[in-house]
Amino acid sequence: MLIFSVENNREAITRTDTALKEAKQRCDSEIRLIVGKGSDSEGGAKLGPAIEDLIRKYHLVAELVPSNSSNSGVLIVELNCR
């Protein structure tokens, strides 16, 4: 699981990009990214949507854990190991 404590989305995207590549090289079936709910962000969530854009770039499938779960704010990314 990758946990972010970063000052800006650019750093988070760079770290996520690296983590996705490494997980695919290891042939992991999934990676869980803690992106938060965005409740502390002015104007709503910013990190989650930015990471979701990156995941779409890789043509991967991701699911955000529902907000009523104790793990809300976690993005589960399915990796296509080939």
N, C-alpha and C. Protein backbone atom coordinates (compact mmCIF):
# COMPACT_ATOMS: atom_id res chain seq x y z
N MET A 1 0.86 -1.17 0.00
CA MET A 1 0.00 0.00 0.00
C MET A 1 0.90 1.22 0.00
N LEU A 2 0.54 2.18 -0.79
CA LEU A 2 1.31 3.41 -0.91
C LEU A 2 0.54 4.52 -0.22
N ILE A 3 1.21 5.19 0.73
CA ILE A 3 0.58 6.26 1.49
C ILE A 3 1.28 7.57 1.14
N PHE A 4 0.50 8.58 0.80
CA PHE A 4 1.09 9.85 0.42
C PHE A 4 0.99 10.88 1.53
N SER A 5 2.08 11.56 1.76
CA SER A 5 2.09 12.75 2.58
C SER A 5 2.96 13.73 1.81
N VAL A 6 2.36 14.38 0.86
CA VAL A 6 3.12 15.24 -0.05
C VAL A 6 2.50 16.62 -0.10
N GLU A 7 3.28 17.55 -0.55
CA GLU A 7 2.83 18.94 -0.62
C GLU A 7 2.04 19.25 -1.87
N ASN A 8 2.25 18.48 -2.94
CA ASN A 8 1.55 18.80 -4.17
C ASN A 8 1.26 17.55 -4.98
N ASN A 9 0.31 17.68 -5.89
CA ASN A 9 -0.10 16.54 -6.71
C ASN A 9 1.01 16.07 -7.64
N ARG A 10 1.85 16.96 -8.10
CA ARG A 10 2.91 16.58 -9.04
C ARG A 10 3.82 15.51 -8.41
N GLU A 11 4.21 15.73 -7.16
CA GLU A 11 5.05 14.75 -6.47
C GLU A 11 4.31 13.43 -6.29
N ALA A 12 3.04 13.50 -5.94
CA ALA A 12 2.24 12.29 -5.77
C ALA A 12 2.11 11.52 -7.08
N ILE A 13 1.92 12.23 -8.17
CA ILE A 13 1.79 11.57 -9.47
C ILE A 13 3.11 10.90 -9.86
N THR A 14 4.22 11.58 -9.62
CA THR A 14 5.53 11.00 -9.92
C THR A 14 5.76 9.73 -9.10
N ARG A 15 5.45 9.79 -7.81
CA ARG A 15 5.63 8.61 -6.95
C ARG A 15 4.68 7.47 -7.35
N THR A 16 3.46 7.82 -7.71
CA THR A 16 2.50 6.81 -8.14
C THR A 16 2.95 6.16 -9.43
N ASP A 17 3.42 6.95 -10.36
CA ASP A 17 3.91 6.43 -11.63
C ASP A 17 5.02 5.40 -11.38
N THR A 18 5.96 5.73 -10.51
CA THR A 18 7.05 4.81 -10.17
C THR A 18 6.50 3.56 -9.50
N ALA A 19 5.58 3.73 -8.56
CA ALA A 19 5.01 2.58 -7.84
C ALA A 19 4.25 1.66 -8.79
N LEU A 20 3.51 2.22 -9.74
CA LEU A 20 2.78 1.40 -10.71
C LEU A 20 3.74 0.59 -11.57
N LYS A 21 4.80 1.23 -12.05
CA LYS A 21 5.78 0.52 -12.87
C LYS A 21 6.45 -0.61 -12.09
N GLU A 22 6.83 -0.34 -10.84
CA GLU A 22 7.48 -1.36 -10.02
C GLU A 22 6.53 -2.52 -9.72
N ALA A 23 5.28 -2.21 -9.42
CA ALA A 23 4.29 -3.25 -9.12
C ALA A 23 4.04 -4.13 -10.34
N LYS A 24 3.99 -3.51 -11.51
CA LYS A 24 3.80 -4.29 -12.75
C LYS A 24 5.01 -5.17 -13.02
N GLN A 25 6.21 -4.67 -12.75
CA GLN A 25 7.42 -5.48 -12.95
C GLN A 25 7.44 -6.68 -12.02
N ARG A 26 6.93 -6.51 -10.80
CA ARG A 26 6.86 -7.62 -9.83
C ARG A 26 5.71 -8.56 -10.15
N CYS A 27 4.87 -8.14 -11.06
CA CYS A 27 3.68 -8.91 -11.45
C CYS A 27 2.66 -8.97 -10.31
N ASP A 28 2.54 -7.87 -9.56
CA ASP A 28 1.52 -7.79 -8.51
C ASP A 28 0.14 -7.78 -9.17
N SER A 29 -0.84 -8.32 -8.48
CA SER A 29 -2.20 -8.34 -9.04
C SER A 29 -2.92 -7.01 -8.83
N GLU A 30 -2.54 -6.29 -7.78
CA GLU A 30 -3.16 -4.99 -7.51
C GLU A 30 -2.23 -4.15 -6.67
N ILE A 31 -2.54 -2.87 -6.65
CA ILE A 31 -1.85 -1.94 -5.76
C ILE A 31 -2.92 -1.05 -5.15
N ARG A 32 -2.75 -0.75 -3.88
CA ARG A 32 -3.71 0.11 -3.17
C ARG A 32 -3.03 1.44 -2.89
N LEU A 33 -3.69 2.49 -3.29
CA LEU A 33 -3.17 3.84 -3.13
C LEU A 33 -4.09 4.62 -2.20
N ILE A 34 -3.52 5.15 -1.14
CA ILE A 34 -4.32 5.98 -0.24
C ILE A 34 -4.28 7.41 -0.78
N VAL A 35 -5.39 7.84 -1.33
CA VAL A 35 -5.47 9.18 -1.92
C VAL A 35 -6.27 10.14 -1.04
N GLY A 36 -6.93 9.61 -0.03
CA GLY A 36 -7.74 10.43 0.85
C GLY A 36 -9.10 10.75 0.23
N LYS A 37 -9.93 11.34 1.04
CA LYS A 37 -11.28 11.68 0.59
C LYS A 37 -11.34 13.08 -0.01
N GLY A 38 -10.33 13.88 0.26
CA GLY A 38 -10.33 15.25 -0.23
C GLY A 38 -11.10 16.20 0.66
N SER A 39 -11.46 15.74 1.86
CA SER A 39 -12.27 16.58 2.75
C SER A 39 -11.50 17.79 3.28
N ASP A 40 -10.18 17.74 3.26
CA ASP A 40 -9.38 18.87 3.72
C ASP A 40 -8.93 19.77 2.58
N SER A 41 -9.27 19.40 1.36
CA SER A 41 -8.86 20.19 0.19
C SER A 41 -9.90 21.25 -0.12
N GLU A 42 -9.43 22.46 -0.30
CA GLU A 42 -10.34 23.54 -0.67
C GLU A 42 -10.90 23.27 -2.06
N GLY A 43 -12.21 23.24 -2.17
CA GLY A 43 -12.85 22.99 -3.46
C GLY A 43 -13.03 21.52 -3.78
N GLY A 44 -12.75 20.64 -2.83
CA GLY A 44 -12.95 19.21 -3.06
C GLY A 44 -11.67 18.47 -3.38
N ALA A 45 -11.83 17.17 -3.59
CA ALA A 45 -10.69 16.28 -3.82
C ALA A 45 -9.90 16.69 -5.06
N LYS A 46 -8.59 16.63 -4.93
CA LYS A 46 -7.70 16.94 -6.05
C LYS A 46 -6.76 15.78 -6.34
N LEU A 47 -6.23 15.16 -5.30
CA LEU A 47 -5.27 14.08 -5.48
C LEU A 47 -5.91 12.86 -6.13
N GLY A 48 -7.05 12.42 -5.62
CA GLY A 48 -7.73 11.25 -6.17
C GLY A 48 -8.00 11.37 -7.66
N PRO A 49 -8.63 12.46 -8.10
CA PRO A 49 -8.87 12.62 -9.54
C PRO A 49 -7.59 12.67 -10.37
N ALA A 50 -6.53 13.28 -9.84
CA ALA A 50 -5.26 13.34 -10.57
C ALA A 50 -4.66 11.95 -10.73
N ILE A 51 -4.73 11.14 -9.68
CA ILE A 51 -4.21 9.77 -9.74
C ILE A 51 -5.07 8.93 -10.67
N GLU A 52 -6.39 9.13 -10.64
CA GLU A 52 -7.28 8.40 -11.55
C GLU A 52 -6.94 8.71 -13.01
N ASP A 53 -6.59 9.95 -13.31
CA ASP A 53 -6.17 10.31 -14.68
C ASP A 53 -4.92 9.54 -15.08
N LEU A 54 -3.96 9.43 -14.16
CA LEU A 54 -2.74 8.67 -14.43
C LEU A 54 -3.06 7.20 -14.70
N ILE A 55 -3.97 6.64 -13.92
CA ILE A 55 -4.34 5.24 -14.08
C ILE A 55 -4.99 5.01 -15.44
N ARG A 56 -5.83 5.95 -15.88
CA ARG A 56 -6.44 5.84 -17.21
C ARG A 56 -5.38 5.88 -18.31
N LYS A 57 -4.32 6.66 -18.09
CA LYS A 57 -3.23 6.73 -19.06
C LYS A 57 -2.62 5.35 -19.30
N TYR A 58 -2.57 4.55 -18.25
CA TYR A 58 -2.02 3.19 -18.34
C TYR A 58 -3.08 2.16 -18.75
N HIS A 59 -4.29 2.61 -18.98
CA HIS A 59 -5.40 1.72 -19.36
C HIS A 59 -5.63 0.64 -18.30
N LEU A 60 -5.59 1.06 -17.03
CA LEU A 60 -5.82 0.14 -15.92
C LEU A 60 -7.21 0.39 -15.34
N VAL A 61 -7.69 -0.57 -14.59
CA VAL A 61 -8.99 -0.47 -13.93
C VAL A 61 -8.74 -0.17 -12.46
N ALA A 62 -9.47 0.80 -11.93
CA ALA A 62 -9.33 1.16 -10.53
C ALA A 62 -10.70 1.36 -9.91
N GLU A 63 -10.76 1.11 -8.62
CA GLU A 63 -12.02 1.27 -7.89
C GLU A 63 -11.72 2.02 -6.60
N LEU A 64 -12.49 3.08 -6.35
CA LEU A 64 -12.36 3.83 -5.11
C LEU A 64 -13.22 3.14 -4.06
N VAL A 65 -12.61 2.85 -2.91
CA VAL A 65 -13.36 2.20 -1.83
C VAL A 65 -14.50 3.15 -1.43
N PRO A 66 -15.72 2.63 -1.28
CA PRO A 66 -16.88 3.48 -0.97
C PRO A 66 -16.68 4.32 0.29
N SER A 67 -17.28 5.49 0.30
CA SER A 67 -17.09 6.43 1.40
C SER A 67 -17.68 5.94 2.72
N ASN A 68 -18.56 4.95 2.68
CA ASN A 68 -19.13 4.43 3.93
C ASN A 68 -18.25 3.34 4.54
N SER A 69 -17.13 3.02 3.92
CA SER A 69 -16.21 2.00 4.41
C SER A 69 -15.17 2.64 5.32
N SER A 70 -14.60 1.82 6.22
CA SER A 70 -13.54 2.33 7.08
C SER A 70 -12.27 2.61 6.29
N ASN A 71 -12.18 2.11 5.07
CA ASN A 71 -11.02 2.33 4.21
C ASN A 71 -11.31 3.34 3.10
N SER A 72 -12.27 4.21 3.30
CA SER A 72 -12.58 5.18 2.24
C SER A 72 -11.36 6.05 1.98
N GLY A 73 -11.23 6.48 0.74
CA GLY A 73 -10.06 7.25 0.34
C GLY A 73 -8.94 6.38 -0.19
N VAL A 74 -9.23 5.08 -0.36
CA VAL A 74 -8.26 4.13 -0.91
C VAL A 74 -8.68 3.78 -2.33
N LEU A 75 -7.74 3.85 -3.24
CA LEU A 75 -7.96 3.51 -4.63
C LEU A 75 -7.28 2.17 -4.89
N ILE A 76 -8.07 1.17 -5.30
CA ILE A 76 -7.53 -0.16 -5.60
C ILE A 76 -7.36 -0.27 -7.10
N VAL A 77 -6.13 -0.48 -7.53
CA VAL A 77 -5.80 -0.54 -8.95
C VAL A 77 -5.48 -1.98 -9.33
N GLU A 78 -6.21 -2.51 -10.30
CA GLU A 78 -5.94 -3.85 -10.81
C GLU A 78 -4.84 -3.76 -11.85
N LEU A 79 -3.81 -4.59 -11.68
CA LEU A 79 -2.68 -4.57 -12.61
C LEU A 79 -2.77 -5.76 -13.55
N ASN A 80 -2.51 -5.51 -14.80
CA ASN A 80 -2.54 -6.57 -15.80
C ASN A 80 -1.13 -7.11 -15.96
N CYS A 81 -0.84 -8.17 -15.25
CA CYS A 81 0.49 -8.76 -15.30
C CYS A 81 0.63 -9.59 -16.57
N ARG A 82 1.57 -9.22 -17.41
CA ARG A 82 1.82 -9.96 -18.66
C ARG A 82 3.29 -10.14 -18.83
